[in-house]
Amino acid sequence: MLCGPHADRTWSPLYHRIDHAIAVASDSDAPLLISGDAYEGRAVMHFADRAESRVRRVTVAYDSGGRTLTDAQAALRTIRDRRDLASVLEVLVVTDDWHAERCLTILRGEHAKIAANRPISFVDASTPVGPRPPSEVLEGERRGILDYLAGSPYRPFGEPFGKPFHPTEASRHE
């Protein structure tokens, strides 16, 4: 599961993604890997605590980058490096439905770079429940896919939805 947006730009977690991920992991008797966090590791640990007694196993993957790309990279490194995840061949990806296409595009692309020797398929298990972003966020999702596929660096397309703003490395030097 990739941690979801918060109710606003402060620490106010929403539970639609984690609760859906818990149900998916429970129904499939699969381990739950939680990644993605714009709150310095606080969200992944909070959601792991929520899932702990409800699924077979919980693992967290955290990268301080706070973007879908760095979250996907952290998840893939964890799958690649953890012996207890060595048998993983399929990943049921839980995110919001409006974010799924970009998330899956990045996971598949980064898989080829980080864990190419591991045959892993990524399956959309996203949820339609949760906050709906404004139209500029949806446009940013589409443009983000095109940028990623073109090998272009990350460019924010406006204010991030449901998380604090984390400037990119490129914007820090402008």
Protein backbone atom coordinates (compact mmCIF):
# COMPACT_ATOMS: atom_id res chain seq x y z
CA MET A 1 0.00 0.00 0.00
CA LEU A 2 1.20 3.50 -0.73
CA CYS A 3 0.21 5.85 2.08
CA GLY A 4 -2.66 8.03 1.09
CA PRO A 5 -3.42 11.70 1.24
CA HIS A 6 -4.21 13.32 4.53
CA ALA A 7 -7.33 15.34 5.21
CA ASP A 8 -5.26 18.48 4.83
CA ARG A 9 -1.60 19.46 4.81
CA THR A 10 -1.18 18.69 8.50
CA TRP A 11 -0.97 15.37 10.28
CA SER A 12 -4.55 14.15 9.88
CA PRO A 13 -4.41 10.62 8.48
CA LEU A 14 -7.24 9.17 6.46
CA TYR A 15 -7.78 5.43 6.72
CA HIS A 16 -9.45 4.46 3.46
CA ARG A 17 -6.22 3.18 1.83
CA ILE A 18 -4.87 1.28 4.83
CA ASP A 19 -8.23 -0.27 5.65
CA HIS A 20 -8.60 -1.38 2.03
CA ALA A 21 -5.02 -2.71 2.04
CA ILE A 22 -5.70 -4.63 5.25
CA ALA A 23 -8.76 -6.23 3.64
CA VAL A 24 -6.81 -7.11 0.46
CA ALA A 25 -3.91 -8.61 2.47
CA SER A 26 -6.28 -10.53 4.76
CA ASP A 27 -8.39 -11.90 1.90
CA SER A 28 -5.29 -13.08 0.01
CA ASP A 29 -3.32 -14.10 3.12
CA ALA A 30 -0.48 -11.96 1.80
CA PRO A 31 2.06 -9.87 3.68
CA LEU A 32 1.34 -6.16 3.74
CA LEU A 33 4.08 -3.75 2.62
CA ILE A 34 3.38 -0.12 3.46
CA SER A 35 5.32 2.56 1.60
CA GLY A 36 5.02 6.24 0.89
CA ASP A 37 5.20 8.90 3.51
CA ALA A 38 5.45 12.67 3.44
CA TYR A 39 5.61 12.82 7.23
CA GLU A 40 9.15 11.57 7.93
CA GLY A 41 8.15 7.94 8.54
CA ARG A 42 5.31 8.76 10.88
CA ALA A 43 2.53 7.65 8.49
CA VAL A 44 4.02 4.25 7.59
CA MET A 45 4.52 3.41 11.27
CA HIS A 46 1.04 4.67 12.21
CA PHE A 47 -0.56 2.56 9.48
CA ALA A 48 1.62 -0.45 10.35
CA ASP A 49 0.36 -0.24 13.94
CA ARG A 50 -3.21 -0.15 12.63
CA ALA A 51 -2.61 -3.27 10.50
CA GLU A 52 -0.40 -5.26 12.90
CA SER A 53 -2.99 -7.58 14.45
CA ARG A 54 -5.15 -7.82 11.34
CA VAL A 55 -2.77 -9.26 8.73
CA ARG A 56 -0.21 -12.07 8.58
CA ARG A 57 2.82 -9.75 8.40
CA VAL A 58 3.46 -6.03 8.04
CA THR A 59 6.61 -4.53 6.54
CA VAL A 60 7.32 -0.85 6.02
CA ALA A 61 9.44 0.79 3.32
CA TYR A 62 10.34 4.42 3.84
CA ASP A 63 12.27 6.95 1.80
CA SER A 64 12.45 10.59 2.83
CA GLY A 65 11.84 11.80 -0.75
CA GLY A 66 8.09 12.00 -0.16
CA ARG A 67 7.15 11.40 -3.83
CA THR A 68 5.60 8.49 -5.70
CA LEU A 69 8.94 7.77 -7.39
CA THR A 70 10.90 7.54 -4.14
CA ASP A 71 8.08 5.59 -2.47
CA ALA A 72 8.06 3.06 -5.32
CA GLN A 73 11.84 2.76 -5.17
CA ALA A 74 11.73 2.11 -1.41
CA ALA A 75 9.07 -0.57 -1.86
CA LEU A 76 11.02 -2.28 -4.63
CA ARG A 77 14.31 -2.21 -2.70
CA THR A 78 12.50 -3.78 0.26
CA ILE A 79 10.98 -6.53 -1.89
CA ARG A 80 14.36 -7.14 -3.52
CA ASP A 81 16.41 -7.18 -0.32
CA ARG A 82 14.21 -8.90 2.27
CA ARG A 83 14.55 -12.68 2.42
CA ASP A 84 11.02 -13.02 3.79
CA LEU A 85 9.74 -11.38 0.57
CA ALA A 86 11.85 -13.48 -1.80
CA SER A 87 8.85 -15.50 -3.00
CA VAL A 88 6.78 -12.45 -3.99
CA LEU A 89 5.76 -12.74 -7.64
CA GLU A 90 2.72 -10.49 -7.63
CA VAL A 91 2.10 -7.19 -5.89
CA LEU A 92 -1.47 -6.03 -5.34
CA VAL A 93 -1.04 -2.26 -5.35
CA VAL A 94 -3.36 -0.31 -3.08
CA THR A 95 -3.64 3.39 -3.73
CA ASP A 96 -6.47 5.73 -4.67
CA ASP A 97 -8.03 4.95 -8.04
CA TRP A 98 -7.17 8.43 -9.36
CA HIS A 99 -3.47 7.82 -8.54
CA ALA A 100 -3.25 4.19 -9.69
CA GLU A 101 -2.14 4.70 -13.30
CA ARG A 102 0.84 6.90 -12.38
CA CYS A 103 1.74 4.69 -9.43
CA LEU A 104 1.67 1.50 -11.52
CA THR A 105 3.63 3.14 -14.36
CA ILE A 106 6.37 4.17 -11.96
CA LEU A 107 6.43 0.80 -10.15
CA ARG A 108 6.78 -1.07 -13.42
CA GLY A 109 9.47 1.28 -14.72
CA GLU A 110 11.49 1.23 -11.50
CA HIS A 111 11.14 -2.56 -11.25
CA ALA A 112 13.15 -2.81 -14.47
CA LYS A 113 15.92 -0.75 -12.83
CA ILE A 114 15.91 -2.02 -9.25
CA ALA A 115 14.81 -5.65 -9.36
CA ALA A 116 14.83 -6.66 -13.01
CA ASN A 117 15.99 -10.19 -12.17
CA ARG A 118 12.83 -10.75 -10.10
CA PRO A 119 9.71 -11.58 -12.12
CA ILE A 120 7.06 -9.46 -10.41
CA SER A 121 3.71 -8.37 -11.75
CA PHE A 122 1.88 -5.34 -10.39
CA VAL A 123 -1.91 -5.54 -10.13
CA ASP A 124 -4.20 -2.60 -9.53
CA ALA A 125 -6.07 -3.14 -6.25
CA SER A 126 -6.85 0.55 -5.76
CA THR A 127 -9.80 1.93 -3.88
CA PRO A 128 -12.46 4.35 -5.17
CA VAL A 129 -13.23 5.41 -1.59
CA GLY A 130 -11.59 8.57 -0.27
CA PRO A 131 -11.16 12.22 -1.08
CA ARG A 132 -11.40 13.33 -4.69
CA PRO A 133 -8.67 15.70 -5.82
CA PRO A 134 -9.26 18.88 -7.78
CA SER A 135 -8.92 18.78 -11.57
CA GLU A 136 -5.39 20.24 -11.55
CA VAL A 137 -4.20 17.26 -9.48
CA LEU A 138 -5.68 14.86 -12.03
CA GLU A 139 -3.96 16.81 -14.81
CA GLY A 140 -0.72 16.61 -12.82
CA GLU A 141 -1.13 12.83 -12.60
CA ARG A 142 -1.44 12.59 -16.41
CA ARG A 143 1.49 14.93 -17.01
CA GLY A 144 3.54 13.07 -14.40
CA ILE A 145 3.09 9.80 -16.32
CA LEU A 146 4.26 11.45 -19.54
CA ASP A 147 7.25 13.04 -17.80
CA TYR A 148 8.24 9.75 -16.16
CA LEU A 149 7.99 7.82 -19.44
CA ALA A 150 10.06 10.52 -21.18
CA GLY A 151 12.75 10.24 -18.51
CA SER A 152 12.16 13.82 -17.43
CA PRO A 153 12.78 14.90 -13.85
CA TYR A 154 9.85 15.33 -11.51
CA ARG A 155 8.06 18.66 -11.91
CA PRO A 156 5.33 19.61 -9.44
CA PHE A 157 2.14 20.72 -11.19
CA GLY A 158 0.79 22.78 -8.33
CA GLU A 159 0.28 22.18 -4.66
CA PRO A 160 0.51 18.52 -3.59
CA PHE A 161 -2.80 16.91 -2.64
CA GLY A 162 -3.15 15.94 1.01
CA LYS A 163 0.51 16.23 2.03
CA PRO A 164 3.03 18.91 2.81
CA PHE A 165 5.08 20.37 -0.02
CA HIS A 166 8.51 18.77 -0.42
CA PRO A 167 10.63 20.66 -2.95
CA THR A 168 12.47 18.52 -5.46
CA GLU A 169 16.25 18.50 -5.67
CA ALA A 170 16.03 20.50 -8.90
CA SER A 171 13.80 23.18 -7.39
CA ARG A 172 16.13 23.55 -4.38
CA HIS A 173 18.85 24.79 -6.72
CA GLU A 174 16.74 27.22 -8.74
